[in-house]
């Protein structure tokens, strides 16, 4: 059974204003997501599932899904604010989405095989999809053994300013122990450093593994997520801005020794448009990858 690619796209409407303005960065107007689907297809993924909001369902199917349907099976699921467990009601002031792990839960009825989770607008690189697909194939028929792609910190920095990254601590067998969010990392005096809450600077290794939200799970993860979501809602009853993130769920499983997460090293460079100034560099990188023969142009024929 081939693994599935699960694409978190519920925030696309708010980020782009409308799907008509979804940024074409490749030589023929390709989006970053076009390259992700292409890389997943050649790595051996057998299906793509998108999670979106119903408010832009028609646009999304016409402009996005239609591009891929002739190449790979595609399904769409929905993340809505009122999709809550029985006994819970939506806080009247709630406007923010429930977060990435709530988005993952929406795919329970359509994903029955090992699956990868990615952000819609991040470029992860061909090698990362190949590495992840290989691990997901090994996870077929297992439970409570997950993985994530750990990017080398130096391959994720922005040339336009500081970035926030989840820096991973692993054991000697490359299993995840914790993810520490560093909110201000930049190249300073020729070294990668982060600034703490007291404005002190500390150096980080160039190859420190960081999470860029590229995960691998098996279907049992849905059940764990649903159980812990109830506790999350109970703990955050009065906080209408709290979000149920994937690292929060993963940390809970690791701390309670319910599951383990193998960190997969990748040589790929991650990039995305963190700052408006990043756009030109992303365009340049994609054009260079086409020029060197990494991708055809146009990408989809």
Protein backbone atom coordinates (compact mmCIF):
# COMPACT_ATOMS: atom_id res chain seq x y z
CA UNK A 1 0.00 0.00 0.00
CA UNK A 2 1.57 3.28 -1.10
CA UNK A 3 1.79 6.13 1.45
CA UNK A 4 -0.46 9.17 1.24
CA UNK A 5 0.58 12.83 1.20
CA UNK A 6 -1.58 14.98 3.46
CA UNK A 7 -1.34 18.69 2.64
CA UNK A 8 -2.32 21.31 5.23
CA UNK A 9 -4.00 23.98 3.12
CA UNK A 10 -6.84 25.27 5.32
CA UNK A 11 -5.02 28.57 5.86
CA UNK A 12 -4.47 29.29 2.18
CA UNK A 13 -7.47 31.55 1.73
CA UNK A 14 -6.43 33.90 4.53
CA UNK A 15 -2.76 33.97 3.49
CA UNK A 16 -3.36 34.74 -0.16
CA UNK A 17 -6.52 36.83 0.07
CA UNK A 18 -8.01 34.57 -2.57
CA UNK A 19 -6.85 31.50 -4.42
CA UNK A 20 -6.66 33.52 -7.63
CA UNK A 21 -3.65 35.26 -6.12
CA UNK A 22 -1.86 32.07 -5.12
CA UNK A 23 1.74 32.91 -5.86
CA UNK A 24 3.23 31.52 -9.06
CA UNK A 25 6.98 31.33 -8.40
CA UNK A 26 8.21 28.81 -10.98
CA UNK A 27 9.18 29.60 -14.59
CA UNK A 28 5.64 28.84 -15.82
CA UNK A 29 3.77 30.17 -12.81
CA UNK A 30 4.13 27.00 -10.75
CA UNK A 31 3.37 27.29 -7.05
CA UNK A 32 5.51 25.74 -4.33
CA UNK A 33 2.72 23.21 -3.83
CA UNK A 34 3.05 22.10 -7.47
CA UNK A 35 6.64 21.08 -6.76
CA UNK A 36 5.61 19.28 -3.57
CA UNK A 37 3.05 17.14 -5.37
CA UNK A 38 5.50 16.42 -8.18
CA UNK A 39 8.21 15.35 -5.71
CA UNK A 40 5.77 13.16 -3.78
CA UNK A 41 4.59 11.48 -6.97
CA UNK A 42 8.09 10.53 -8.08
CA UNK A 43 8.95 9.36 -4.54
CA UNK A 44 6.16 6.79 -4.75
CA UNK A 45 3.24 8.36 -2.88
CA UNK A 46 -0.07 6.93 -4.06
CA UNK A 47 -2.62 9.57 -3.09
CA UNK A 48 -2.89 13.23 -2.09
CA UNK A 49 -5.36 14.52 0.48
CA UNK A 50 -5.87 18.26 1.04
CA UNK A 51 -7.43 19.77 4.12
CA UNK A 52 -9.10 23.10 3.36
CA UNK A 53 -11.99 25.25 4.55
CA UNK A 54 -15.39 24.81 2.92
CA UNK A 55 -15.54 28.54 2.19
CA UNK A 56 -13.12 28.16 -0.74
CA UNK A 57 -13.98 24.60 -1.78
CA UNK A 58 -15.23 25.50 -5.29
CA UNK A 59 -12.21 27.68 -6.11
CA UNK A 60 -9.80 25.12 -4.71
CA UNK A 61 -11.21 22.25 -6.74
CA UNK A 62 -11.23 24.31 -9.96
CA UNK A 63 -7.79 25.90 -9.62
CA UNK A 64 -5.79 23.38 -7.58
CA UNK A 65 -7.25 19.88 -7.52
CA UNK A 66 -7.92 19.87 -11.27
CA UNK A 67 -4.17 20.17 -11.96
CA UNK A 68 -3.33 16.91 -10.21
CA UNK A 69 -6.31 14.64 -10.84
CA UNK A 70 -4.87 13.17 -14.05
CA UNK A 71 -1.62 12.31 -12.27
CA UNK A 72 -2.58 10.99 -8.82
CA UNK A 73 -5.81 10.26 -6.87
CA UNK A 74 -6.89 13.33 -4.90
CA UNK A 75 -9.31 13.79 -1.99
CA UNK A 76 -10.39 16.88 -0.06
CA UNK A 77 -11.42 17.13 3.61
CA UNK A 78 -12.46 20.17 5.63
CA UNK A 79 -11.26 21.88 8.80
CA UNK A 80 -13.98 23.97 10.43
CA UNK A 81 -14.05 25.73 13.79
CA UNK A 82 -17.20 23.92 14.94
CA UNK A 83 -15.77 20.44 14.31
CA UNK A 84 -15.50 19.55 17.99
CA UNK A 85 -16.03 16.40 20.09
CA UNK A 86 -19.45 15.76 21.56
CA UNK A 87 -20.09 17.86 24.67
CA UNK A 88 -17.99 20.86 23.58
CA UNK A 89 -19.31 24.09 22.10
CA UNK A 90 -17.50 26.71 20.06
CA UNK A 91 -16.43 29.74 22.12
CA UNK A 92 -18.29 32.79 20.70
CA UNK A 93 -15.01 34.74 20.40
CA UNK A 94 -13.14 31.93 18.63
CA UNK A 95 -11.75 33.06 15.26
CA UNK A 96 -8.38 31.31 14.97
CA UNK A 97 -8.25 27.80 13.50
CA UNK A 98 -7.72 25.00 16.02
CA UNK A 99 -4.18 24.34 14.77
CA UNK A 100 -2.24 21.81 12.75
CA UNK A 101 -3.10 18.69 14.75
CA UNK A 102 -6.80 19.48 14.57
CA UNK A 103 -6.29 19.73 10.80
CA UNK A 104 -4.63 16.29 10.79
CA UNK A 105 -7.63 14.78 12.60
CA UNK A 106 -9.94 15.75 9.72
CA UNK A 107 -8.45 13.02 7.51
CA UNK A 108 -9.39 10.07 9.74
CA UNK A 109 -12.08 8.73 7.38
CA UNK A 110 -10.03 8.91 4.16
CA UNK A 111 -6.51 7.86 5.22
CA UNK A 112 -6.04 4.20 6.14
CA UNK A 113 -2.33 3.86 5.32
CA UNK A 114 0.95 5.47 6.49
CA UNK A 115 0.92 9.16 5.59
CA UNK A 116 3.09 12.25 5.44
CA UNK A 117 1.98 15.68 6.64
CA UNK A 118 3.33 18.87 5.03
CA UNK A 119 2.53 22.58 4.83
CA UNK A 120 1.04 23.70 1.52
CA UNK A 121 3.42 26.59 0.95
CA UNK A 122 6.81 25.17 2.03
CA UNK A 123 9.40 23.78 -0.38
CA UNK A 124 10.84 20.60 1.12
CA UNK A 125 13.03 19.18 -1.66
CA UNK A 126 13.09 15.96 -3.67
CA UNK A 127 15.42 14.04 -1.31
CA UNK A 128 13.14 14.66 1.67
CA UNK A 129 10.13 13.06 -0.04
CA UNK A 130 12.22 10.05 -1.08
CA UNK A 131 13.60 9.59 2.46
CA UNK A 132 10.15 9.99 4.01
CA UNK A 133 8.45 7.63 1.54
CA UNK A 134 11.03 4.93 2.25
CA UNK A 135 10.42 5.21 6.00
CA UNK A 136 6.63 5.25 5.59
CA UNK A 137 6.82 2.05 3.57
CA UNK A 138 8.70 0.44 6.48
CA UNK A 139 5.95 1.62 8.85
CA UNK A 140 3.21 -0.22 6.95
CA UNK A 141 1.27 -2.42 9.36
CA UNK A 142 2.91 -0.94 12.48
CA UNK A 143 1.54 1.36 15.19
CA UNK A 144 3.00 3.95 17.55
CA UNK A 145 6.19 4.32 15.52
CA UNK A 146 6.28 7.64 13.70
CA UNK A 147 8.87 9.84 12.03
CA UNK A 148 9.71 13.38 11.05
CA UNK A 149 12.15 14.88 8.57
CA UNK A 150 14.82 16.81 10.46
CA UNK A 151 16.31 19.62 8.41
CA UNK A 152 19.84 20.83 9.07
CA UNK A 153 19.43 24.27 10.61
CA UNK A 154 21.81 25.93 8.14
CA UNK A 155 19.56 24.73 5.28
CA UNK A 156 16.50 26.57 6.61
CA UNK A 157 17.66 30.12 7.31
CA UNK A 158 16.27 33.22 5.62
CA UNK A 159 18.58 35.78 4.04
CA UNK A 160 16.06 38.48 4.95
CA UNK A 161 16.02 38.25 8.74
CA UNK A 162 15.61 36.14 11.86
CA UNK A 163 13.51 32.96 11.85
CA UNK A 164 11.74 30.81 14.42
CA UNK A 165 12.59 27.11 14.38
CA UNK A 166 11.74 24.05 16.43
CA UNK A 167 15.18 22.73 17.39
CA UNK A 168 15.10 18.97 17.98
CA UNK A 169 16.92 17.03 20.66
CA UNK A 170 17.47 13.38 19.73
CA UNK A 171 18.92 10.34 21.45
CA UNK A 172 21.84 8.25 20.19
CA UNK A 173 19.49 6.27 17.92
CA UNK A 174 18.03 9.42 16.31
CA UNK A 175 14.70 9.22 18.10
CA UNK A 176 13.09 12.50 19.06
CA UNK A 177 13.34 13.52 22.73
CA UNK A 178 12.00 17.07 22.53
CA UNK A 179 11.43 20.07 20.27
CA UNK A 180 12.40 23.47 21.69
CA UNK A 181 10.99 26.50 19.90
CA UNK A 182 13.66 29.16 19.33
CA UNK A 183 11.88 32.29 18.20
CA UNK A 184 14.85 34.36 17.00
CA UNK A 185 17.60 32.57 15.04
CA UNK A 186 19.94 34.29 12.61
CA UNK A 187 23.41 34.24 11.14
CA UNK A 188 25.41 36.59 13.36
CA UNK A 189 29.17 37.19 13.20
CA UNK A 190 29.50 34.20 10.87
CA UNK A 191 27.77 31.82 13.30
CA UNK A 192 24.18 30.61 13.69
CA UNK A 193 22.89 32.02 16.96
CA UNK A 194 19.59 32.40 18.78
CA UNK A 195 18.48 35.15 21.16
CA UNK A 196 16.72 34.11 24.35
CA UNK A 197 14.03 35.95 26.33
CA UNK A 198 16.72 37.90 28.21
CA UNK A 199 18.32 39.04 24.92
CA UNK A 200 21.39 36.84 25.40
CA UNK A 201 22.86 35.17 22.33
CA UNK A 202 23.74 31.46 22.13
CA UNK A 203 25.36 29.53 19.30
CA UNK A 204 23.60 26.62 17.59
CA UNK A 205 25.28 23.88 15.51
CA UNK A 206 24.85 24.26 11.74
CA UNK A 207 23.57 20.69 11.49
CA UNK A 208 21.18 20.89 14.45
CA UNK A 209 18.00 19.08 13.29
CA UNK A 210 14.95 21.33 13.11
CA UNK A 211 11.31 20.54 12.45
CA UNK A 212 9.75 22.15 9.39
CA UNK A 213 6.41 20.40 9.86
CA UNK A 214 7.16 17.38 7.67
CA UNK A 215 5.89 14.36 9.60
CA UNK A 216 5.17 10.69 9.02
CA UNK A 217 2.37 8.86 10.85
CA UNK A 218 0.32 5.67 10.75
CA UNK A 219 -3.51 5.72 11.08
CA UNK A 220 -3.46 4.94 14.82
CA UNK A 221 -2.26 8.54 15.26
CA UNK A 222 -5.83 9.73 14.63
CA UNK A 223 -7.15 7.90 17.70
CA UNK A 224 -4.39 9.30 19.93
CA UNK A 225 -5.14 12.78 18.60
CA UNK A 226 -8.86 12.56 19.25
CA UNK A 227 -8.33 11.41 22.84
CA UNK A 228 -5.82 14.13 23.63
CA UNK A 229 -7.90 16.83 21.91
CA UNK A 230 -10.56 16.35 24.60
CA UNK A 231 -7.94 17.00 27.30
CA UNK A 232 -6.65 19.99 25.33
CA UNK A 233 -10.14 21.49 25.17
CA UNK A 234 -10.70 20.91 28.88
CA UNK A 235 -7.37 22.57 29.73
CA UNK A 236 -8.01 25.55 27.43
CA UNK A 237 -11.73 26.09 28.01
CA UNK A 238 -11.28 29.81 28.62
CA UNK A 239 -8.61 30.45 26.00
CA UNK A 240 -10.27 31.07 22.63
CA UNK A 241 -6.86 31.54 20.94
CA UNK A 242 -5.23 28.27 22.02
CA UNK A 243 -4.15 25.99 19.15
CA UNK A 244 -3.71 22.23 19.01
CA UNK A 245 -0.36 21.86 17.23
CA UNK A 246 1.32 18.68 15.98
CA UNK A 247 4.43 19.15 18.21
CA UNK A 248 2.14 19.41 21.26
CA UNK A 249 0.55 16.05 20.42
CA UNK A 250 3.88 14.42 19.57
CA UNK A 251 5.48 15.66 22.78
CA UNK A 252 2.57 14.20 24.78
CA UNK A 253 3.06 10.79 23.14
CA UNK A 254 6.83 10.81 23.72
CA UNK A 255 6.62 11.97 27.34
CA UNK A 256 4.04 9.29 28.13
CA UNK A 257 6.07 6.65 26.24
CA UNK A 258 3.06 5.91 24.05
CA UNK A 259 4.96 6.32 20.77
CA UNK A 260 8.39 7.08 19.38
CA UNK A 261 9.39 9.40 16.55
CA UNK A 262 12.45 8.73 14.38
CA UNK A 263 14.19 11.86 13.08
CA UNK A 264 15.24 11.42 9.45
CA UNK A 265 18.20 13.49 8.31
CA UNK A 266 17.87 15.18 4.93
CA UNK A 267 20.38 17.04 2.76
CA UNK A 268 17.52 19.03 1.18
CA UNK A 269 17.31 22.77 1.55
CA UNK A 270 13.99 24.06 2.84
CA UNK A 271 12.70 27.39 1.66
CA UNK A 272 9.55 29.46 1.72
CA UNK A 273 8.42 33.06 1.74
CA UNK A 274 8.92 33.97 5.40
CA UNK A 275 9.39 37.63 4.48
CA UNK A 276 8.16 39.53 1.42
CA UNK A 277 11.83 40.04 0.58
CA UNK A 278 12.26 36.24 0.34
CA UNK A 279 10.09 36.00 -2.75
CA UNK A 280 12.78 37.00 -5.24
CA UNK A 281 15.22 34.47 -3.77
CA UNK A 282 12.62 31.68 -3.94
CA UNK A 283 11.92 32.48 -7.60
CA UNK A 284 15.66 32.38 -8.29
CA UNK A 285 16.09 29.03 -6.50
CA UNK A 286 13.22 27.41 -8.42
CA UNK A 287 14.51 28.71 -11.75
CA UNK A 288 17.95 27.33 -10.95
CA UNK A 289 16.50 23.89 -10.11
CA UNK A 290 14.76 23.89 -13.50
CA UNK A 291 17.93 25.00 -15.30
CA UNK A 292 19.94 22.16 -13.74
CA UNK A 293 17.35 19.60 -14.85
CA UNK A 294 15.92 18.84 -11.40
CA UNK A 295 12.42 19.69 -12.66
CA UNK A 296 10.85 19.88 -16.13
CA UNK A 297 9.33 23.10 -17.39
CA UNK A 298 6.41 23.33 -17.49
CA UNK A 299 6.05 21.05 -14.47
CA UNK A 300 2.61 19.64 -15.32
CA UNK A 301 1.80 18.77 -18.93
